Structure formats: structure tokens, C-alpha cells
Amino acid sequence: MPAAVLALTAGAFGIGTTEFLIMGLLLQVAADMQVSVSATGLLISGYALGVFVGAPILTLATRRMPRKAVLLALMAIFTFGNAACALAPDYGLLMAARVLTSLAHGTFFGVGSVVATGLVTEDKRASAIATMFIGLTVATLLGVPFGAWFGLMLGWRAAFWAVAAIGVVAFAVLVVFVPGNVDGNEKATSLSEELAVVGRPQVLLGLAMTVFGFAGLFVVFTYVQPILTRLTGFSEAAVSPILLVFGVGLSIGNVAGGRLADRGLGRALIATLAALALVLVALAGVLSIKGLAVAFIFLLGIAAFATVAPLQLRVLETAGTQGRTLASSLNIAAFNLGNALGAWAGGLTIDYGLGLAALPLVAAAITAAGLVLALWSLHLDRPLPSAAACPAE
């Protein structure tokens, strides 16, 4: 992969780390800010909402700027936002700083996906996207334990200062390695053209299959700690090592999904979404068996992130060249909407008395809905029979 794609990976790592960092700091932040743990948990929801809202707004606002300049501006927002989190004197300002930081997330991954695909040959586009998302998978793997360790050893504010330092390094790497002419001869599209592209049925279907296809993961992942401790019988101390196993699976799945999509995007969409649904169904049957539960948590990581590159590339392809930057950013927002939908659906499942054991099956049903949307979308791609092909009457 070109060095510029690896530079995007560095930026993705920084942004992914700040998204997951707070999960390992909830107790420390709650105690310092004198708020409840549930209120502190809203710092995660606020971030996700900022991604969902900020992705289309910032993408449209920066559509006429050179893409390298956009990436650098976003990394500057990210760095400033994390420094503001570290300095926040109260809960309200900490929430505001989290939302500010989140604004960089969707547009960075959206613009970064477009830049990455433009830096490689056509048969390597999905792998380029997957390479950039390796930064996110590593952040997922390390973000929570990193935050927990910093919170314990140096305080939660030191963790945010450390992430701000990552932002400075990523900014410098982007300056050095991303070419200034990454836009090539592309002309900025008008606002009406961008919005018209996003309104295409196939683009909307692509966004919907991302929301539902990926939401299944977070029905389970949001409640993985009580699942493993209350159903499977692990101690709380065992959860972190199991999450590391899950993170390794994410990294493997991310690369595998990119390679599958390069070989055939349609087949990769169907195969990865079907695999995720099947793994979730199987997980429901092995939660009482410790060894098998860990094995299927690992497979869940592989199956879940194998969907990322195909889902992202599908939206880019259906958007074409005129509106792909906005469509790409909206698809990152769709991933985050799927995260929120999955967590909400999991909560409803528990609240209505179905219990933790039902979560994998509910997750599988939601992912299956994404699979149905993918099948429908690919069916619409088939050319209609021409009049010439019809037998003469």
C-alpha cells in the first residue's frame, strides 16, 4: 500500500481511540465530575450523535476545499477537541468537547475512504479502505484497556492528553505523506449534485444495509460484559482478555473483507453479512460453554469487520464520482447510527424480559434485515431484458 494510505491509517487510529477511550474511564470521570455512571455513559452517546450530525454538515461545508487540507483541518479539530476534554472543568464542557471532537470522525473516514481509493488501482480499492480501517480496529483493540490503564495510573485527563499527542503525530504524518494533488483533476460538485446523488435509491439502499447489517454487532457488543459474566460464568477480570481476542478477530476480518470485496463486491456483501448473521445465531447456542463462547466471540469479530470494506465500497460505487465524498461520509454516519440502533434494540430486548440470552438472536435478525436489503440492491443492478432478446410474436 502507498505510504499515503498508511498515513490515513494513523489518523484513523487516533480518531478511533478517542471514540472508545471513554469506555475505560467511566468510573474515574463520574467520580471527578460528581455525576452518575449513567450520565457519564451519555458521553459515548453524545459522541455518536456528533458523528451522525457532523459527517454530512462538515462534508458539505468542505466540499470545495482540497482533500488534503480537509484531512489536516479535521485532524486539527480532533487534537484541539481532545485537549479541551483534558481541560474541561465540568461535565457540560466535557460533553461539549466530546461533541466537538466527534465532528471530525465521520468526515475524516468519509474523505479518507475517497482519498484511499484514489491512491491505488481499481482492483485494490477495497483493500485500501480496509487498510485505513486497520487504524480503527487497532483502536478498538487498545482503546478501552489504554484508557483504563491511564485512568488508573495517571488520571483520566492524562489519557486525553495522550490522545491529543497522537493527533499531533497523525497531523505530521498526513502533512508528509499525503500528496497535495490527491484531488487530481476532479472538479468540486455543486450542492444540488451532491444531494441528488445521495437521494438515489441505490445509495439510500447502501446506507440502509450499513445501518441494519452492522447494528447486529452492537446488540451483543454493548452488553458483552454482562453476557460473559452472568451467562457464560467468567469473572470480571476475564472480560478484558476476551475483548482482546475479539479485537484480534476484528483486525483479521477487516483485511479479509477488503480482499473479498476486491475479488467481487456483490459476492463479498452477501457472504460477509450472511456470515455475521450465522455467527450470531451460533453464538446464542454456545454461551453456556466457556471455550466455545470465546471461540465464537473471536469469530464474531472476524465476521463483523469483514462487512466494513464491502459496505463502504458499495456506497462509493453507487454514488459514482460526483457525490461520493458526501455519500462516503454519510455511510460512516450510518455505521454509527447502526451502533446506536443495536444498543437500543439490545436494551429493549432486556427491558421486555427476553434476557441477555436472547441478544444474539435479536442481533442476527437485524443483520439478516441488512442482508435482505443487500440482496434487493444487487437484484436491482441486474439489467432488464432488452426488447431484442424477447422472442418475436
Protein backbone atom coordinates (compact mmCIF):
# COMPACT_ATOMS: atom_id res chain seq x y z
CA MET A 1 0.00 0.00 0.00
CA PRO A 2 1.18 3.55 -0.69
CA ALA A 3 2.59 5.46 2.29
CA ALA A 4 -0.30 7.93 1.98
CA VAL A 5 -2.81 5.17 2.75
CA LEU A 6 -0.77 4.18 5.81
CA ALA A 7 -0.81 7.84 6.87
CA LEU A 8 -4.61 7.71 6.75
CA THR A 9 -4.37 4.62 8.96
CA ALA A 10 -2.51 6.68 11.57
CA GLY A 11 -5.27 9.27 11.56
CA ALA A 12 -7.92 6.56 11.80
CA PHE A 13 -6.14 5.09 14.82
CA GLY A 14 -6.20 8.42 16.66
CA ILE A 15 -9.86 9.08 15.91
CA GLY A 16 -10.89 5.53 16.77
CA THR A 17 -9.00 5.67 20.07
CA THR A 18 -10.84 8.75 21.29
CA GLU A 19 -14.19 7.16 20.40
CA PHE A 20 -13.59 4.09 22.59
CA LEU A 21 -11.36 5.71 25.22
CA ILE A 22 -14.17 6.89 27.47
CA MET A 23 -15.45 3.31 27.98
CA GLY A 24 -12.41 2.58 30.12
CA LEU A 25 -12.72 5.83 32.08
CA LEU A 26 -16.39 5.89 33.11
CA LEU A 27 -15.84 5.40 36.83
CA GLN A 28 -12.97 7.89 37.08
CA VAL A 29 -14.80 10.59 35.12
CA ALA A 30 -18.03 10.04 37.08
CA ALA A 31 -16.20 10.41 40.39
CA ASP A 32 -14.24 13.50 39.32
CA MET A 33 -17.22 15.26 37.72
CA GLN A 34 -19.57 14.16 40.54
CA VAL A 35 -22.16 12.72 38.16
CA SER A 36 -23.67 9.25 37.86
CA VAL A 37 -22.11 6.49 35.78
CA SER A 38 -25.16 6.51 33.50
CA ALA A 39 -24.73 10.25 32.89
CA THR A 40 -21.07 9.63 32.10
CA GLY A 41 -22.17 6.96 29.65
CA LEU A 42 -24.01 9.68 27.74
CA LEU A 43 -20.58 10.98 26.73
CA ILE A 44 -20.50 7.97 24.39
CA SER A 45 -23.98 8.73 23.04
CA GLY A 46 -23.07 12.39 22.58
CA TYR A 47 -20.04 11.40 20.55
CA ALA A 48 -22.07 9.08 18.32
CA LEU A 49 -24.69 11.79 17.77
CA GLY A 50 -21.94 14.25 16.85
CA VAL A 51 -20.61 11.81 14.26
CA PHE A 52 -24.06 11.28 12.77
CA VAL A 53 -24.86 15.00 12.53
CA GLY A 54 -21.37 16.29 11.82
CA ALA A 55 -20.49 13.97 8.93
CA PRO A 56 -22.87 15.44 6.31
CA ILE A 57 -22.57 19.03 7.56
CA LEU A 58 -18.76 19.17 7.52
CA THR A 59 -18.55 17.22 4.28
CA LEU A 60 -20.81 19.71 2.52
CA ALA A 61 -19.06 22.68 4.13
CA THR A 62 -15.63 21.49 2.94
CA ARG A 63 -16.57 20.04 -0.44
CA ARG A 64 -14.72 22.77 -2.40
CA MET A 65 -11.54 22.50 -0.31
CA PRO A 66 -8.57 20.36 -1.38
CA ARG A 67 -8.93 16.97 0.26
CA LYS A 68 -5.53 17.09 1.94
CA ALA A 69 -6.45 20.42 3.52
CA VAL A 70 -9.74 18.90 4.73
CA LEU A 71 -7.94 15.95 6.33
CA LEU A 72 -5.49 18.26 8.09
CA ALA A 73 -8.26 20.56 9.33
CA LEU A 74 -10.17 17.58 10.69
CA MET A 75 -7.10 16.25 12.48
CA ALA A 76 -6.58 19.72 13.99
CA ILE A 77 -10.21 19.69 15.27
CA PHE A 78 -9.61 16.23 16.68
CA THR A 79 -6.44 17.32 18.50
CA PHE A 80 -7.99 20.51 19.88
CA GLY A 81 -11.10 18.62 20.98
CA ASN A 82 -9.12 16.06 22.98
CA ALA A 83 -7.10 18.81 24.63
CA ALA A 84 -10.39 20.52 25.53
CA CYS A 85 -11.61 17.22 27.07
CA ALA A 86 -8.47 17.06 29.20
CA LEU A 87 -9.01 20.64 30.41
CA ALA A 88 -12.81 20.53 30.85
CA PRO A 89 -13.68 21.85 34.35
CA ASP A 90 -17.21 20.38 34.46
CA TYR A 91 -19.47 17.79 32.87
CA GLY A 92 -21.20 20.20 30.48
CA LEU A 93 -17.96 21.42 28.95
CA LEU A 94 -16.64 17.87 28.77
CA MET A 95 -19.73 16.85 26.79
CA ALA A 96 -19.28 19.86 24.51
CA ALA A 97 -15.63 18.94 23.94
CA ARG A 98 -16.61 15.34 23.15
CA VAL A 99 -19.15 16.50 20.59
CA LEU A 100 -16.58 18.89 19.06
CA THR A 101 -14.10 16.03 18.76
CA SER A 102 -16.70 13.77 17.16
CA LEU A 103 -17.32 16.23 14.33
CA ALA A 104 -14.02 15.18 12.77
CA HIS A 105 -14.85 11.47 12.84
CA GLY A 106 -17.37 10.89 10.05
CA THR A 107 -15.88 13.31 7.55
CA PHE A 108 -12.32 12.04 8.15
CA PHE A 109 -13.30 8.46 7.39
CA GLY A 110 -15.56 9.56 4.53
CA VAL A 111 -12.97 11.77 2.83
CA GLY A 112 -10.22 9.32 3.76
CA SER A 113 -12.06 6.46 2.02
CA VAL A 114 -12.31 8.53 -1.17
CA VAL A 115 -8.63 9.51 -0.98
CA ALA A 116 -7.53 5.93 -0.26
CA THR A 117 -9.40 4.53 -3.27
CA GLY A 118 -7.89 7.23 -5.47
CA LEU A 119 -4.34 6.29 -4.50
CA VAL A 120 -4.49 2.67 -5.72
CA THR A 121 -5.52 0.75 -8.81
CA GLU A 122 -9.17 -0.21 -9.22
CA ASP A 123 -8.62 -3.81 -8.14
CA LYS A 124 -7.15 -2.66 -4.80
CA ARG A 125 -9.78 -0.11 -3.75
CA ALA A 126 -11.48 -2.24 -1.10
CA SER A 127 -8.12 -3.27 0.33
CA ALA A 128 -7.12 0.40 0.54
CA ILE A 129 -10.28 1.15 2.53
CA ALA A 130 -9.59 -1.87 4.74
CA THR A 131 -6.01 -0.69 5.32
CA MET A 132 -7.25 2.69 6.52
CA PHE A 133 -9.77 0.99 8.81
CA ILE A 134 -6.99 -1.09 10.38
CA GLY A 135 -6.35 2.05 12.43
CA LEU A 136 -9.90 1.81 13.75
CA THR A 137 -9.61 -1.90 14.54
CA VAL A 138 -6.36 -1.36 16.45
CA ALA A 139 -8.03 1.49 18.32
CA THR A 140 -10.91 -0.83 19.18
CA LEU A 141 -8.43 -3.40 20.40
CA LEU A 142 -6.37 -0.97 22.50
CA GLY A 143 -8.66 1.98 23.26
CA VAL A 144 -10.52 0.62 26.29
CA PRO A 145 -7.52 -1.02 28.05
CA PHE A 146 -5.40 2.04 27.17
CA GLY A 147 -7.93 4.36 28.78
CA ALA A 148 -8.41 2.12 31.80
CA TRP A 149 -4.66 1.91 32.42
CA PHE A 150 -4.13 5.67 32.07
CA GLY A 151 -7.12 6.38 34.26
CA LEU A 152 -5.75 4.13 36.96
CA MET A 153 -2.10 5.23 36.77
CA LEU A 154 -2.18 8.90 35.78
CA GLY A 155 -5.80 10.03 35.85
CA TRP A 156 -8.40 10.25 33.11
CA ARG A 157 -7.23 13.69 31.94
CA ALA A 158 -3.79 12.27 31.13
CA ALA A 159 -5.46 9.78 28.80
CA PHE A 160 -7.00 12.60 26.77
CA TRP A 161 -3.67 14.44 26.67
CA ALA A 162 -2.09 11.26 25.31
CA VAL A 163 -4.72 11.03 22.55
CA ALA A 164 -4.17 14.71 21.71
CA ALA A 165 -0.47 13.87 21.29
CA ILE A 166 -1.47 11.06 18.90
CA GLY A 167 -3.38 13.70 16.94
CA VAL A 168 -0.24 15.85 16.63
CA VAL A 169 1.76 12.88 15.31
CA ALA A 170 -1.02 11.90 12.87
CA PHE A 171 -1.21 15.51 11.62
CA ALA A 172 2.52 15.49 10.90
CA VAL A 173 2.33 12.12 9.12
CA LEU A 174 -0.51 13.37 6.91
CA VAL A 175 1.47 16.52 6.05
CA VAL A 176 4.47 14.47 4.95
CA PHE A 177 2.89 11.52 3.13
CA VAL A 178 -0.46 12.56 1.63
CA PRO A 179 0.22 14.24 -1.74
CA GLY A 180 -1.05 17.73 -2.31
CA ASN A 181 -2.52 16.78 -5.69
CA VAL A 182 -4.64 13.96 -4.27
CA ASP A 183 -7.73 15.57 -5.88
CA GLY A 184 -6.25 15.09 -9.34
CA ASN A 185 -8.36 16.81 -12.00
CA GLU A 186 -11.63 16.45 -10.10
CA LYS A 187 -13.88 19.46 -10.04
CA ALA A 188 -15.94 20.25 -6.97
CA THR A 189 -19.55 19.25 -7.48
CA SER A 190 -22.40 21.60 -6.68
CA LEU A 191 -24.54 21.20 -3.59
CA SER A 192 -27.53 20.15 -5.68
CA GLU A 193 -25.46 17.47 -7.45
CA GLU A 194 -24.16 16.11 -4.13
CA LEU A 195 -27.66 15.93 -2.65
CA ALA A 196 -29.12 14.42 -5.83
CA VAL A 197 -26.58 11.60 -5.72
CA VAL A 198 -27.36 10.83 -2.08
CA GLY A 199 -31.04 10.66 -3.00
CA ARG A 200 -30.50 7.84 -5.50
CA PRO A 201 -32.37 4.67 -4.50
CA GLN A 202 -29.23 2.53 -4.67
CA VAL A 203 -27.26 4.92 -2.45
CA LEU A 204 -30.10 5.00 0.08
CA LEU A 205 -30.24 1.21 -0.01
CA GLY A 206 -26.50 1.10 0.59
CA LEU A 207 -26.82 3.36 3.62
CA ALA A 208 -29.72 1.30 4.96
CA MET A 209 -27.86 -2.00 4.59
CA THR A 210 -24.97 -0.46 6.55
CA VAL A 211 -27.27 0.62 9.39
CA PHE A 212 -29.02 -2.75 9.72
CA GLY A 213 -26.14 -5.00 8.70
CA PHE A 214 -23.76 -3.52 11.27
CA ALA A 215 -26.34 -2.90 14.01
CA GLY A 216 -26.42 -6.60 14.84
CA LEU A 217 -22.90 -6.43 16.22
CA PHE A 218 -23.76 -3.76 18.79
CA VAL A 219 -26.85 -5.59 20.06
CA VAL A 220 -24.32 -8.04 21.53
CA PHE A 221 -21.14 -5.97 21.92
CA THR A 222 -22.81 -3.26 24.01
CA TYR A 223 -23.75 -5.87 26.62
CA VAL A 224 -20.78 -8.19 26.24
CA GLN A 225 -19.63 -7.74 29.85
CA PRO A 226 -22.88 -8.92 31.49
CA ILE A 227 -23.25 -11.66 28.85
CA LEU A 228 -19.82 -13.09 29.65
CA THR A 229 -20.11 -12.75 33.43
CA ARG A 230 -23.77 -13.61 34.04
CA LEU A 231 -24.43 -16.16 31.31
CA THR A 232 -21.07 -17.71 30.49
CA GLY A 233 -19.72 -17.55 34.04
CA PHE A 234 -16.47 -15.66 33.51
CA SER A 235 -15.08 -13.36 36.18
CA GLU A 236 -14.98 -9.64 35.51
CA ALA A 237 -11.18 -9.84 35.27
CA ALA A 238 -11.51 -12.27 32.36
CA VAL A 239 -13.57 -9.88 30.23
CA SER A 240 -10.64 -7.70 29.11
CA PRO A 241 -8.56 -10.61 27.73
CA ILE A 242 -11.64 -11.90 25.89
CA LEU A 243 -12.16 -8.45 24.38
CA LEU A 244 -8.55 -8.59 23.18
CA VAL A 245 -9.41 -11.86 21.43
CA PHE A 246 -12.40 -10.10 19.89
CA GLY A 247 -10.14 -7.25 18.75
CA VAL A 248 -7.76 -9.65 17.04
CA GLY A 249 -10.77 -11.04 15.19
CA LEU A 250 -11.72 -7.51 14.11
CA SER A 251 -8.29 -6.99 12.58
CA ILE A 252 -8.40 -10.27 10.68
CA GLY A 253 -11.94 -9.65 9.45
CA ASN A 254 -11.12 -6.13 8.30
CA VAL A 255 -8.33 -7.34 6.00
CA ALA A 256 -10.32 -10.37 4.80
CA GLY A 257 -13.33 -8.23 3.93
CA GLY A 258 -11.20 -5.90 1.83
CA ARG A 259 -9.68 -8.77 -0.13
CA LEU A 260 -13.06 -10.41 -0.71
CA ALA A 261 -14.53 -7.15 -1.97
CA ASP A 262 -11.63 -6.65 -4.39
CA ARG A 263 -12.40 -10.06 -5.91
CA GLY A 264 -16.13 -9.41 -6.25
CA LEU A 265 -18.09 -6.76 -4.39
CA GLY A 266 -21.55 -8.30 -4.71
CA ARG A 267 -20.42 -11.72 -3.53
CA ALA A 268 -18.50 -10.12 -0.65
CA LEU A 269 -21.57 -8.20 0.54
CA ILE A 270 -23.73 -11.31 0.63
CA ALA A 271 -21.04 -13.57 2.09
CA THR A 272 -19.99 -11.23 4.90
CA LEU A 273 -23.50 -10.26 6.01
CA ALA A 274 -24.64 -13.89 5.88
CA ALA A 275 -21.58 -14.97 7.86
CA LEU A 276 -22.25 -12.34 10.54
CA ALA A 277 -25.87 -13.46 10.91
CA LEU A 278 -24.86 -17.14 11.14
CA VAL A 279 -22.15 -16.48 13.73
CA LEU A 280 -24.67 -14.58 15.86
CA VAL A 281 -27.14 -17.47 15.67
CA ALA A 282 -24.42 -19.95 16.62
CA LEU A 283 -23.24 -17.71 19.48
CA ALA A 284 -26.69 -17.96 21.06
CA GLY A 285 -26.24 -21.71 21.36
CA VAL A 286 -22.79 -21.76 22.97
CA LEU A 287 -22.97 -19.00 25.61
CA SER A 288 -23.07 -21.55 28.42
CA ILE A 289 -19.83 -23.22 27.27
CA LYS A 290 -16.79 -21.08 28.10
CA GLY A 291 -14.37 -22.35 25.45
CA LEU A 292 -16.90 -22.21 22.62
CA ALA A 293 -18.16 -18.81 23.76
CA VAL A 294 -14.64 -17.34 23.47
CA ALA A 295 -14.14 -19.01 20.09
CA PHE A 296 -17.37 -17.51 18.74
CA ILE A 297 -16.57 -14.08 20.20
CA PHE A 298 -13.40 -14.30 18.10
CA LEU A 299 -15.42 -15.35 15.03
CA LEU A 300 -17.87 -12.53 15.73
CA GLY A 301 -15.01 -10.04 15.47
CA ILE A 302 -13.91 -11.51 12.15
CA ALA A 303 -17.42 -11.61 10.69
CA ALA A 304 -18.40 -8.13 11.91
CA PHE A 305 -15.47 -6.19 10.47
CA ALA A 306 -15.37 -8.25 7.28
CA THR A 307 -18.53 -6.31 6.36
CA VAL A 308 -16.93 -2.85 6.68
CA ALA A 309 -14.96 -2.54 3.43
CA PRO A 310 -17.70 -4.09 1.24
CA LEU A 311 -20.38 -1.85 2.76
CA GLN A 312 -18.24 1.27 2.35
CA LEU A 313 -17.21 0.44 -1.21
CA ARG A 314 -20.79 -0.35 -2.22
CA VAL A 315 -21.90 3.16 -1.28
CA LEU A 316 -18.91 4.68 -3.09
CA GLU A 317 -19.68 2.70 -6.25
CA THR A 318 -23.38 3.51 -6.32
CA ALA A 319 -22.65 7.20 -5.70
CA GLY A 320 -20.27 7.44 -8.67
CA THR A 321 -17.77 10.27 -8.93
CA GLN A 322 -19.97 13.31 -8.38
CA GLY A 323 -21.33 12.71 -4.90
CA ARG A 324 -19.07 10.07 -3.47
CA THR A 325 -17.48 12.23 -0.76
CA LEU A 326 -20.82 13.10 0.84
CA ALA A 327 -22.11 9.55 0.35
CA SER A 328 -18.94 8.12 1.88
CA SER A 329 -19.23 10.37 4.94
CA LEU A 330 -22.92 9.54 5.30
CA ASN A 331 -22.05 5.86 5.31
CA ILE A 332 -19.70 6.43 8.26
CA ALA A 333 -22.63 8.16 9.95
CA ALA A 334 -24.73 5.10 9.04
CA PHE A 335 -22.26 2.82 10.84
CA ASN A 336 -22.65 4.98 13.96
CA LEU A 337 -26.43 5.02 13.60
CA GLY A 338 -26.23 1.23 13.43
CA ASN A 339 -24.21 1.26 16.67
CA ALA A 340 -26.92 3.30 18.37
CA LEU A 341 -29.72 1.16 16.89
CA GLY A 342 -28.04 -2.03 18.08
CA ALA A 343 -27.53 -0.74 21.62
CA TRP A 344 -31.15 0.47 21.73
CA ALA A 345 -32.51 -2.84 20.42
CA GLY A 346 -30.42 -4.74 22.94
CA GLY A 347 -31.76 -2.59 25.76
CA LEU A 348 -35.35 -3.17 24.66
CA THR A 349 -34.72 -6.91 24.49
CA ILE A 350 -33.55 -6.90 28.10
CA ASP A 351 -36.22 -4.49 29.36
CA TYR A 352 -39.05 -6.56 27.85
CA GLY A 353 -37.91 -9.64 29.73
CA LEU A 354 -36.30 -11.68 26.96
CA GLY A 355 -32.99 -11.50 28.79
CA LEU A 356 -29.33 -11.50 27.82
CA ALA A 357 -29.54 -14.95 26.22
CA ALA A 358 -31.85 -13.59 23.50
CA LEU A 359 -29.49 -10.83 22.39
CA PRO A 360 -27.54 -12.84 19.76
CA LEU A 361 -30.77 -13.98 18.09
CA VAL A 362 -32.18 -10.45 18.02
CA ALA A 363 -28.83 -9.32 16.61
CA ALA A 364 -28.95 -12.00 13.91
CA ALA A 365 -32.46 -10.89 12.88
CA ILE A 366 -31.35 -7.27 12.48
CA THR A 367 -28.28 -8.26 10.45
CA ALA A 368 -30.49 -10.53 8.34
CA ALA A 369 -32.55 -7.44 7.50
CA GLY A 370 -29.35 -5.85 6.18
CA LEU A 371 -28.70 -8.99 4.14
CA VAL A 372 -32.19 -8.78 2.59
CA LEU A 373 -31.52 -5.15 1.64
CA ALA A 374 -28.22 -6.18 0.05
CA LEU A 375 -29.92 -8.91 -1.99
CA TRP A 376 -32.58 -6.45 -3.10
CA SER A 377 -29.99 -3.84 -4.07
CA LEU A 378 -27.95 -6.32 -6.09
CA HIS A 379 -31.14 -7.58 -7.78
CA LEU A 380 -31.88 -4.01 -8.91
CA ASP A 381 -28.43 -3.92 -10.53
CA ARG A 382 -29.39 -6.63 -12.98
CA PRO A 383 -30.11 -5.29 -16.48
CA LEU A 384 -33.68 -5.57 -17.69
CA PRO A 385 -34.23 -7.94 -20.64
CA SER A 386 -33.92 -5.99 -23.86
CA ALA A 387 -36.65 -5.96 -26.43
CA ALA A 388 -34.28 -7.60 -28.89
CA ALA A 389 -33.88 -10.56 -26.56
CA CYS A 390 -37.61 -11.21 -26.49
CA PRO A 391 -38.93 -13.83 -28.93
CA ALA A 392 -40.81 -12.46 -31.91
CA GLU A 393 -44.56 -12.81 -31.77
